Amino acid sequence: MSKQSENSKEGGSVAQSSGGFTVSPGPLNTVKLELALVLIVAVTLYAVIEVILDTGWLQVSILAAYGLVSFAWLVARARKIIGEVRGSGTDTQQ
């Protein structure tokens, strides 16, 4: 038997696929998911606005307002999570 096949059977140096998209665990993973949701909703909103509204400036205004609200939401969520992570550290000085 070859050395490579022995390593793969023993879980040695040959990389094995876990079968799927994975992200290393981190405190901001929920914000990443929310960003993906915001982008999906933005594309859907653009498609709906494009069909319903004829006025270009109104389309841009609605999309800009959605972008600003989404930006503020994501920044607030990220700051909250980072604050919690920093607060739960080993800092015992008060």
PDB file of N, CA and C in Angstrom:
ATOM      1  N   MET A   1       0.846  -1.158   0.000  1.00  0.00           N
ATOM      2  CA  MET A   1       0.000   0.000   0.000  1.00  0.00           C
ATOM      3  C   MET A   1       0.902   1.234   0.000  1.00  0.00           C
ATOM      4  N   SER A   2       0.489   2.272  -0.704  1.00  0.00           N
ATOM      5  CA  SER A   2       1.327   3.459  -0.787  1.00  0.00           C
ATOM      6  C   SER A   2       1.223   4.284   0.487  1.00  0.00           C
ATOM      7  N   LYS A   3       2.232   5.140   0.678  1.00  0.00           N
ATOM      8  CA  LYS A   3       2.289   5.961   1.878  1.00  0.00           C
ATOM      9  C   LYS A   3       1.144   6.977   1.910  1.00  0.00           C
ATOM     10  N   GLN A   4       0.753   7.494   0.736  1.00  0.00           N
ATOM     11  CA  GLN A   4      -0.313   8.488   0.682  1.00  0.00           C
ATOM     12  C   GLN A   4      -1.650   7.873   1.094  1.00  0.00           C
ATOM     13  N   SER A   5      -1.952   6.692   0.637  1.00  0.00           N
ATOM     14  CA  SER A   5      -3.218   6.074   0.999  1.00  0.00           C
ATOM     15  C   SER A   5      -3.250   5.702   2.483  1.00  0.00           C
ATOM     16  N   GLU A   6      -2.074   5.369   3.050  1.00  0.00           N
ATOM     17  CA  GLU A   6      -2.015   5.106   4.484  1.00  0.00           C
ATOM     18  C   GLU A   6      -2.313   6.372   5.274  1.00  0.00           C
ATOM     19  N   ASN A   7      -1.740   7.511   4.828  1.00  0.00           N
ATOM     20  CA  ASN A   7      -1.985   8.787   5.500  1.00  0.00           C
ATOM     21  C   ASN A   7      -3.452   9.174   5.421  1.00  0.00           C
ATOM     22  N   SER A   8      -4.079   8.956   4.261  1.00  0.00           N
ATOM     23  CA  SER A   8      -5.467   9.358   4.129  1.00  0.00           C
ATOM     24  C   SER A   8      -6.368   8.480   4.983  1.00  0.00           C
ATOM     25  N   LYS A   9      -6.036   7.210   5.165  1.00  0.00           N
ATOM     26  CA  LYS A   9      -6.843   6.342   6.017  1.00  0.00           C
ATOM     27  C   LYS A   9      -6.666   6.696   7.484  1.00  0.00           C
ATOM     28  N   GLU A  10      -5.487   7.133   7.853  1.00  0.00           N
ATOM     29  CA  GLU A  10      -5.207   7.459   9.240  1.00  0.00           C
ATOM     30  C   GLU A  10      -5.530   8.918   9.571  1.00  0.00           C
ATOM     31  N   GLY A  11      -5.970   9.680   8.582  1.00  0.00           N
ATOM     32  CA  GLY A  11      -6.234  11.099   8.826  1.00  0.00           C
ATOM     33  C   GLY A  11      -4.965  11.899   8.924  1.00  0.00           C
ATOM     34  N   GLY A  12      -3.961  11.525   8.166  1.00  0.00           N
ATOM     35  CA  GLY A  12      -2.658  12.180   8.222  1.00  0.00           C
ATOM     36  C   GLY A  12      -2.644  13.514   7.507  1.00  0.00           C
ATOM     37  N   SER A  13      -1.639  13.730   6.702  1.00  0.00           N
ATOM     38  CA  SER A  13      -1.401  15.038   6.116  1.00  0.00           C
ATOM     39  C   SER A  13      -2.243  15.325   4.879  1.00  0.00           C
ATOM     40  N   VAL A  14      -3.026  14.393   4.425  1.00  0.00           N
ATOM     41  CA  VAL A  14      -3.848  14.635   3.244  1.00  0.00           C
ATOM     42  C   VAL A  14      -5.127  15.348   3.686  1.00  0.00           C
ATOM     43  N   ALA A  15      -5.397  16.484   3.045  1.00  0.00           N
ATOM     44  CA  ALA A  15      -6.581  17.270   3.405  1.00  0.00           C
ATOM     45  C   ALA A  15      -7.841  16.521   3.016  1.00  0.00           C
ATOM     46  N   GLN A  16      -8.808  16.550   3.909  1.00  0.00           N
ATOM     47  CA  GLN A  16     -10.076  15.887   3.640  1.00  0.00           C
ATOM     48  C   GLN A  16     -11.181  16.927   3.639  1.00  0.00           C
ATOM     49  N   SER A  17     -12.063  16.835   2.667  1.00  0.00           N
ATOM     50  CA  SER A  17     -13.178  17.759   2.560  1.00  0.00           C
ATOM     51  C   SER A  17     -14.281  17.333   3.509  1.00  0.00           C
ATOM     52  N   SER A  18     -14.821  18.305   4.222  1.00  0.00           N
ATOM     53  CA  SER A  18     -15.916  18.003   5.139  1.00  0.00           C
ATOM     54  C   SER A  18     -17.255  18.033   4.421  1.00  0.00           C
ATOM     55  N   GLY A  19     -17.244  18.394   3.143  1.00  0.00           N
ATOM     56  CA  GLY A  19     -18.459  18.380   2.366  1.00  0.00           C
ATOM     57  C   GLY A  19     -19.390  19.532   2.687  1.00  0.00           C
ATOM     58  N   GLY A  20     -19.040  20.731   2.323  1.00  0.00           N
ATOM     59  CA  GLY A  20     -19.901  21.878   2.549  1.00  0.00           C
ATOM     60  C   GLY A  20     -19.092  23.124   2.810  1.00  0.00           C
ATOM     61  N   PHE A  21     -19.780  24.228   2.767  1.00  0.00           N
ATOM     62  CA  PHE A  21     -19.145  25.515   3.017  1.00  0.00           C
ATOM     63  C   PHE A  21     -19.137  25.769   4.510  1.00  0.00           C
ATOM     64  N   THR A  22     -17.965  25.967   5.067  1.00  0.00           N
ATOM     65  CA  THR A  22     -17.878  26.211   6.495  1.00  0.00           C
ATOM     66  C   THR A  22     -17.116  27.506   6.755  1.00  0.00           C
ATOM     67  N   VAL A  23     -17.452  28.139   7.836  1.00  0.00           N
ATOM     68  CA  VAL A  23     -16.776  29.351   8.280  1.00  0.00           C
ATOM     69  C   VAL A  23     -16.291  29.091   9.692  1.00  0.00           C
ATOM     70  N   SER A  24     -15.068  29.476   9.958  1.00  0.00           N
ATOM     71  CA  SER A  24     -14.557  29.267  11.307  1.00  0.00           C
ATOM     72  C   SER A  24     -15.413  30.047  12.301  1.00  0.00           C
ATOM     73  N   PRO A  25     -15.649  29.482  13.463  1.00  0.00           N
ATOM     74  CA  PRO A  25     -16.506  30.153  14.437  1.00  0.00           C
ATOM     75  C   PRO A  25     -15.908  31.467  14.895  1.00  0.00           C
ATOM     76  N   GLY A  26     -16.736  32.448  14.956  1.00  0.00           N
ATOM     77  CA  GLY A  26     -16.292  33.758  15.399  1.00  0.00           C
ATOM     78  C   GLY A  26     -17.474  34.558  15.897  1.00  0.00           C
ATOM     79  N   PRO A  27     -17.201  35.604  16.641  1.00  0.00           N
ATOM     80  CA  PRO A  27     -18.298  36.370  17.229  1.00  0.00           C
ATOM     81  C   PRO A  27     -19.117  37.151  16.198  1.00  0.00           C
ATOM     82  N   LEU A  28     -18.548  37.457  15.049  1.00  0.00           N
ATOM     83  CA  LEU A  28     -19.258  38.271  14.062  1.00  0.00           C
ATOM     84  C   LEU A  28     -19.953  37.445  12.974  1.00  0.00           C
ATOM     85  N   ASN A  29     -20.067  36.145  13.156  1.00  0.00           N
ATOM     86  CA  ASN A  29     -20.732  35.319  12.156  1.00  0.00           C
ATOM     87  C   ASN A  29     -22.197  35.704  11.974  1.00  0.00           C
ATOM     88  N   THR A  30     -22.861  36.108  13.050  1.00  0.00           N
ATOM     89  CA  THR A  30     -24.261  36.526  12.914  1.00  0.00           C
ATOM     90  C   THR A  30     -24.371  37.797  12.082  1.00  0.00           C
ATOM     91  N   VAL A  31     -23.400  38.696  12.222  1.00  0.00           N
ATOM     92  CA  VAL A  31     -23.407  39.923  11.427  1.00  0.00           C
ATOM     93  C   VAL A  31     -23.162  39.586   9.955  1.00  0.00           C
ATOM     94  N   LYS A  32     -22.328  38.607   9.686  1.00  0.00           N
ATOM     95  CA  LYS A  32     -22.088  38.182   8.310  1.00  0.00           C
ATOM     96  C   LYS A  32     -23.364  37.633   7.685  1.00  0.00           C
ATOM     97  N   LEU A  33     -24.110  36.860   8.451  1.00  0.00           N
ATOM     98  CA  LEU A  33     -25.375  36.331   7.949  1.00  0.00           C
ATOM     99  C   LEU A  33     -26.379  37.453   7.712  1.00  0.00           C
ATOM    100  N   GLU A  34     -26.423  38.418   8.616  1.00  0.00           N
ATOM    101  CA  GLU A  34     -27.313  39.558   8.436  1.00  0.00           C
ATOM    102  C   GLU A  34     -26.918  40.377   7.211  1.00  0.00           C
ATOM    103  N   LEU A  35     -25.628  40.509   6.949  1.00  0.00           N
ATOM    104  CA  LEU A  35     -25.174  41.210   5.749  1.00  0.00           C
ATOM    105  C   LEU A  35     -25.643  40.485   4.493  1.00  0.00           C
ATOM    106  N   ALA A  36     -25.557  39.166   4.494  1.00  0.00           N
ATOM    107  CA  ALA A  36     -26.044  38.393   3.346  1.00  0.00           C
ATOM    108  C   ALA A  36     -27.539  38.610   3.159  1.00  0.00           C
ATOM    109  N   LEU A  37     -28.287  38.619   4.249  1.00  0.00           N
ATOM    110  CA  LEU A  37     -29.722  38.858   4.164  1.00  0.00           C
ATOM    111  C   LEU A  37     -30.024  40.264   3.648  1.00  0.00           C
ATOM    112  N   VAL A  38     -29.273  41.250   4.128  1.00  0.00           N
ATOM    113  CA  VAL A  38     -29.448  42.634   3.670  1.00  0.00           C
ATOM    114  C   VAL A  38     -29.198  42.727   2.168  1.00  0.00           C
ATOM    115  N   LEU A  39     -28.183  42.058   1.669  1.00  0.00           N
ATOM    116  CA  LEU A  39     -27.883  42.100   0.238  1.00  0.00           C
ATOM    117  C   LEU A  39     -28.969  41.417  -0.589  1.00  0.00           C
ATOM    118  N   ILE A  40     -29.488  40.307  -0.098  1.00  0.00           N
ATOM    119  CA  ILE A  40     -30.566  39.613  -0.816  1.00  0.00           C
ATOM    120  C   ILE A  40     -31.813  40.494  -0.869  1.00  0.00           C
ATOM    121  N   VAL A  41     -32.149  41.121   0.258  1.00  0.00           N
ATOM    122  CA  VAL A  41     -33.310  42.010   0.289  1.00  0.00           C
ATOM    123  C   VAL A  41     -33.079  43.224  -0.606  1.00  0.00           C
ATOM    124  N   ALA A  42     -31.863  43.733  -0.657  1.00  0.00           N
ATOM    125  CA  ALA A  42     -31.558  44.894  -1.503  1.00  0.00           C
ATOM    126  C   ALA A  42     -31.778  44.576  -2.977  1.00  0.00           C
ATOM    127  N   VAL A  43     -31.329  43.421  -3.410  1.00  0.00           N
ATOM    128  CA  VAL A  43     -31.520  43.032  -4.814  1.00  0.00           C
ATOM    129  C   VAL A  43     -33.002  42.864  -5.112  1.00  0.00           C
ATOM    130  N   THR A  44     -33.727  42.233  -4.190  1.00  0.00           N
ATOM    131  CA  THR A  44     -35.171  42.060  -4.368  1.00  0.00           C
ATOM    132  C   THR A  44     -35.881  43.415  -4.380  1.00  0.00           C
ATOM    133  N   LEU A  45     -35.508  44.295  -3.462  1.00  0.00           N
ATOM    134  CA  LEU A  45     -36.086  45.630  -3.412  1.00  0.00           C
ATOM    135  C   LEU A  45     -35.821  46.385  -4.708  1.00  0.00           C
ATOM    136  N   TYR A  46     -34.619  46.289  -5.235  1.00  0.00           N
ATOM    137  CA  TYR A  46     -34.293  46.947  -6.495  1.00  0.00           C
ATOM    138  C   TYR A  46     -35.184  46.432  -7.624  1.00  0.00           C
ATOM    139  N   ALA A  47     -35.371  45.126  -7.688  1.00  0.00           N
ATOM    140  CA  ALA A  47     -36.205  44.556  -8.750  1.00  0.00           C
ATOM    141  C   ALA A  47     -37.646  45.040  -8.636  1.00  0.00           C
ATOM    142  N   VAL A  48     -38.169  45.082  -7.426  1.00  0.00           N
ATOM    143  CA  VAL A  48     -39.549  45.531  -7.217  1.00  0.00           C
ATOM    144  C   VAL A  48     -39.683  47.016  -7.539  1.00  0.00           C
ATOM    145  N   ILE A  49     -38.750  47.814  -7.059  1.00  0.00           N
ATOM    146  CA  ILE A  49     -38.805  49.263  -7.303  1.00  0.00           C
ATOM    147  C   ILE A  49     -38.670  49.561  -8.792  1.00  0.00           C
ATOM    148  N   GLU A  50     -37.847  48.830  -9.479  1.00  0.00           N
ATOM    149  CA  GLU A  50     -37.643  49.037 -10.915  1.00  0.00           C
ATOM    150  C   GLU A  50     -38.948  48.827 -11.680  1.00  0.00           C
ATOM    151  N   VAL A  51     -39.748  47.858 -11.249  1.00  0.00           N
ATOM    152  CA  VAL A  51     -41.004  47.563 -11.929  1.00  0.00           C
ATOM    153  C   VAL A  51     -42.088  48.563 -11.538  1.00  0.00           C
ATOM    154  N   ILE A  52     -42.154  48.935 -10.263  1.00  0.00           N
ATOM    155  CA  ILE A  52     -43.253  49.760  -9.769  1.00  0.00           C
ATOM    156  C   ILE A  52     -43.067  51.245 -10.086  1.00  0.00           C
ATOM    157  N   LEU A  53     -41.889  51.771  -9.855  1.00  0.00           N
ATOM    158  CA  LEU A  53     -41.662  53.214  -9.974  1.00  0.00           C
ATOM    159  C   LEU A  53     -41.003  53.584 -11.292  1.00  0.00           C
ATOM    160  N   ASP A  54     -41.465  54.710 -11.849  1.00  0.00           N
ATOM    161  CA  ASP A  54     -40.875  55.207 -13.095  1.00  0.00           C
ATOM    162  C   ASP A  54     -39.835  56.293 -12.847  1.00  0.00           C
ATOM    163  N   THR A  55     -39.947  56.969 -11.733  1.00  0.00           N
ATOM    164  CA  THR A  55     -39.077  58.095 -11.444  1.00  0.00           C
ATOM    165  C   THR A  55     -37.722  57.613 -10.931  1.00  0.00           C
ATOM    166  N   GLY A  56     -36.677  58.005 -11.632  1.00  0.00           N
ATOM    167  CA  GLY A  56     -35.327  57.567 -11.264  1.00  0.00           C
ATOM    168  C   GLY A  56     -34.876  58.089  -9.923  1.00  0.00           C
ATOM    169  N   TRP A  57     -35.167  59.359  -9.635  1.00  0.00           N
ATOM    170  CA  TRP A  57     -34.708  59.940  -8.368  1.00  0.00           C
ATOM    171  C   TRP A  57     -35.406  59.294  -7.182  1.00  0.00           C
ATOM    172  N   LEU A  58     -36.663  58.870  -7.354  1.00  0.00           N
ATOM    173  CA  LEU A  58     -37.376  58.208  -6.271  1.00  0.00           C
ATOM    174  C   LEU A  58     -36.810  56.812  -6.022  1.00  0.00           C
ATOM    175  N   GLN A  59     -36.449  56.131  -7.096  1.00  0.00           N
ATOM    176  CA  GLN A  59     -35.809  54.814  -6.953  1.00  0.00           C
ATOM    177  C   GLN A  59     -34.500  54.935  -6.189  1.00  0.00           C
ATOM    178  N   VAL A  60     -33.701  55.892  -6.580  1.00  0.00           N
ATOM    179  CA  VAL A  60     -32.407  56.095  -5.923  1.00  0.00           C
ATOM    180  C   VAL A  60     -32.606  56.485  -4.462  1.00  0.00           C
ATOM    181  N   SER A  61     -33.603  57.330  -4.194  1.00  0.00           N
ATOM    182  CA  SER A  61     -33.872  57.759  -2.819  1.00  0.00           C
ATOM    183  C   SER A  61     -34.266  56.578  -1.928  1.00  0.00           C
ATOM    184  N   ILE A  62     -35.138  55.717  -2.432  1.00  0.00           N
ATOM    185  CA  ILE A  62     -35.572  54.562  -1.647  1.00  0.00           C
ATOM    186  C   ILE A  62     -34.407  53.608  -1.399  1.00  0.00           C
ATOM    187  N   LEU A  63     -33.624  53.334  -2.431  1.00  0.00           N
ATOM    188  CA  LEU A  63     -32.484  52.433  -2.268  1.00  0.00           C
ATOM    189  C   LEU A  63     -31.418  53.038  -1.351  1.00  0.00           C
ATOM    190  N   ALA A  64     -31.218  54.345  -1.446  1.00  0.00           N
ATOM    191  CA  ALA A  64     -30.248  55.006  -0.564  1.00  0.00           C
ATOM    192  C   ALA A  64     -30.718  54.950   0.887  1.00  0.00           C
ATOM    193  N   ALA A  65     -32.005  55.170   1.115  1.00  0.00           N
ATOM    194  CA  ALA A  65     -32.543  55.097   2.477  1.00  0.00           C
ATOM    195  C   ALA A  65     -32.394  53.683   3.027  1.00  0.00           C
ATOM    196  N   TYR A  66     -32.704  52.680   2.211  1.00  0.00           N
ATOM    197  CA  TYR A  66     -32.532  51.291   2.646  1.00  0.00           C
ATOM    198  C   TYR A  66     -31.061  51.007   2.962  1.00  0.00           C
ATOM    199  N   GLY A  67     -30.169  51.500   2.121  1.00  0.00           N
ATOM    200  CA  GLY A  67     -28.737  51.294   2.347  1.00  0.00           C
ATOM    201  C   GLY A  67     -28.257  51.932   3.640  1.00  0.00           C
ATOM    202  N   LEU A  68     -28.721  53.151   3.917  1.00  0.00           N
ATOM    203  CA  LEU A  68     -28.307  53.837   5.142  1.00  0.00           C
ATOM    204  C   LEU A  68     -28.852  53.144   6.392  1.00  0.00           C
ATOM    205  N   VAL A  69     -30.108  52.726   6.337  1.00  0.00           N
ATOM    206  CA  VAL A  69     -30.692  52.019   7.480  1.00  0.00           C
ATOM    207  C   VAL A  69     -29.969  50.690   7.705  1.00  0.00           C
ATOM    208  N   SER A  70     -29.696  49.972   6.620  1.00  0.00           N
ATOM    209  CA  SER A  70     -28.989  48.691   6.728  1.00  0.00           C
ATOM    210  C   SER A  70     -27.582  48.887   7.279  1.00  0.00           C
ATOM    211  N   PHE A  71     -26.905  49.922   6.796  1.00  0.00           N
ATOM    212  CA  PHE A  71     -25.563  50.238   7.269  1.00  0.00           C
ATOM    213  C   PHE A  71     -25.573  50.519   8.768  1.00  0.00           C
ATOM    214  N   ALA A  72     -26.526  51.353   9.195  1.00  0.00           N
ATOM    215  CA  ALA A  72     -26.617  51.691  10.623  1.00  0.00           C
ATOM    216  C   ALA A  72     -26.911  50.450  11.461  1.00  0.00           C
ATOM    217  N   TRP A  73     -27.789  49.589  10.967  1.00  0.00           N
ATOM    218  CA  TRP A  73     -28.134  48.362  11.693  1.00  0.00           C
ATOM    219  C   TRP A  73     -26.909  47.455  11.843  1.00  0.00           C
ATOM    220  N   LEU A  74     -26.190  47.236  10.749  1.00  0.00           N
ATOM    221  CA  LEU A  74     -25.036  46.342  10.785  1.00  0.00           C
ATOM    222  C   LEU A  74     -23.913  46.903  11.665  1.00  0.00           C
ATOM    223  N   VAL A  75     -23.694  48.199  11.599  1.00  0.00           N
ATOM    224  CA  VAL A  75     -22.663  48.816  12.437  1.00  0.00           C
ATOM    225  C   VAL A  75     -23.041  48.690  13.912  1.00  0.00           C
ATOM    226  N   ALA A  76     -24.314  48.953  14.230  1.00  0.00           N
ATOM    227  CA  ALA A  76     -24.756  48.848  15.619  1.00  0.00           C
ATOM    228  C   ALA A  76     -24.614  47.419  16.134  1.00  0.00           C
ATOM    229  N   ARG A  77     -25.004  46.439  15.329  1.00  0.00           N
ATOM    230  CA  ARG A  77     -24.885  45.037  15.729  1.00  0.00           C
ATOM    231  C   ARG A  77     -23.425  44.646  15.943  1.00  0.00           C
ATOM    232  N   ALA A  78     -22.565  45.057  15.009  1.00  0.00           N
ATOM    233  CA  ALA A  78     -21.139  44.712  15.126  1.00  0.00           C
ATOM    234  C   ALA A  78     -20.523  45.361  16.364  1.00  0.00           C
ATOM    235  N   ARG A  79     -20.860  46.629  16.609  1.00  0.00           N
ATOM    236  CA  ARG A  79     -20.316  47.315  17.795  1.00  0.00           C
ATOM    237  C   ARG A  79     -20.804  46.653  19.077  1.00  0.00           C
ATOM    238  N   LYS A  80     -22.063  46.237  19.099  1.00  0.00           N
ATOM    239  CA  LYS A  80     -22.609  45.575  20.286  1.00  0.00           C
ATOM    240  C   LYS A  80     -21.875  44.265  20.554  1.00  0.00           C
ATOM    241  N   ILE A  81     -21.680  43.471  19.508  1.00  0.00           N
ATOM    242  CA  ILE A  81     -21.013  42.169  19.670  1.00  0.00           C
ATOM    243  C   ILE A  81     -19.555  42.355  20.075  1.00  0.00           C
ATOM    244  N   ILE A  82     -18.881  43.299  19.443  1.00  0.00           N
ATOM    245  CA  ILE A  82     -17.481  43.549  19.800  1.00  0.00           C
ATOM    246  C   ILE A  82     -17.385  44.031  21.244  1.00  0.00           C
ATOM    247  N   GLY A  83     -18.322  44.869  21.663  1.00  0.00           N
ATOM    248  CA  GLY A  83     -18.347  45.321  23.055  1.00  0.00           C
ATOM    249  C   GLY A  83     -18.553  44.179  24.027  1.00  0.00           C
ATOM    250  N   GLU A  84     -19.433  43.243  23.668  1.00  0.00           N
ATOM    251  CA  GLU A  84     -19.663  42.084  24.530  1.00  0.00           C
ATOM    252  C   GLU A  84     -18.421  41.200  24.606  1.00  0.00           C
ATOM    253  N   VAL A  85     -17.748  41.022  23.472  1.00  0.00           N
ATOM    254  CA  VAL A  85     -16.542  40.185  23.453  1.00  0.00           C
ATOM    255  C   VAL A  85     -15.449  40.834  24.289  1.00  0.00           C
ATOM    256  N   ARG A  86     -15.280  42.131  24.138  1.00  0.00           N
ATOM    257  CA  ARG A  86     -14.261  42.825  24.926  1.00  0.00           C
ATOM    258  C   ARG A  86     -14.619  42.840  26.407  1.00  0.00           C
ATOM    259  N   GLY A  87     -15.897  42.932  26.713  1.00  0.00           N
ATOM    260  CA  GLY A  87     -16.337  42.972  28.103  1.00  0.00           C
ATOM    261  C   GLY A  87     -16.218  41.631  28.799  1.00  0.00           C
ATOM    262  N   SER A  88     -16.254  40.554  28.035  1.00  0.00           N
ATOM    263  CA  SER A  88     -16.176  39.225  28.642  1.00  0.00           C
ATOM    264  C   SER A  88     -14.742  38.705  28.704  1.00  0.00           C
ATOM    265  N   GLY A  89     -13.788  39.581  28.446  1.00  0.00           N
ATOM    266  CA  GLY A  89     -12.376  39.182  28.494  1.00  0.00           C
ATOM    267  C   GLY A  89     -11.924  38.961  29.931  1.00  0.00           C
ATOM    268  N   THR A  90     -10.641  38.783  30.094  1.00  0.00           N
ATOM    269  CA  THR A  90     -10.083  38.496  31.414  1.00  0.00           C
ATOM    270  C   THR A  90      -9.662  39.774  32.142  1.00  0.00           C
ATOM    271  N   ASP A  91     -10.149  40.920  31.696  1.00  0.00           N
ATOM    272  CA  ASP A  91      -9.804  42.191  32.335  1.00  0.00           C
ATOM    273  C   ASP A  91     -10.544  42.303  33.661  1.00  0.00           C
ATOM    274  N   THR A  92      -9.812  42.255  34.766  1.00  0.00           N
ATOM    275  CA  THR A  92     -10.429  42.301  36.084  1.00  0.00           C
ATOM    276  C   THR A  92     -10.209  43.629  36.775  1.00  0.00           C
ATOM    277  N   GLN A  93      -9.505  44.556  36.143  1.00  0.00           N
ATOM    278  CA  GLN A  93      -9.255  45.852  36.743  1.00  0.00           C
ATOM    279  C   GLN A  93     -10.498  46.720  36.584  1.00  0.00           C
ATOM    280  N   GLN A  94     -10.844  47.456  37.688  1.00  0.00           N
ATOM    281  CA  GLN A  94     -12.005  48.353  37.627  1.00  0.00           C
ATOM    282  C   GLN A  94     -11.666  49.701  38.163  1.00  0.00           C
TER     283      GLN A  94
END
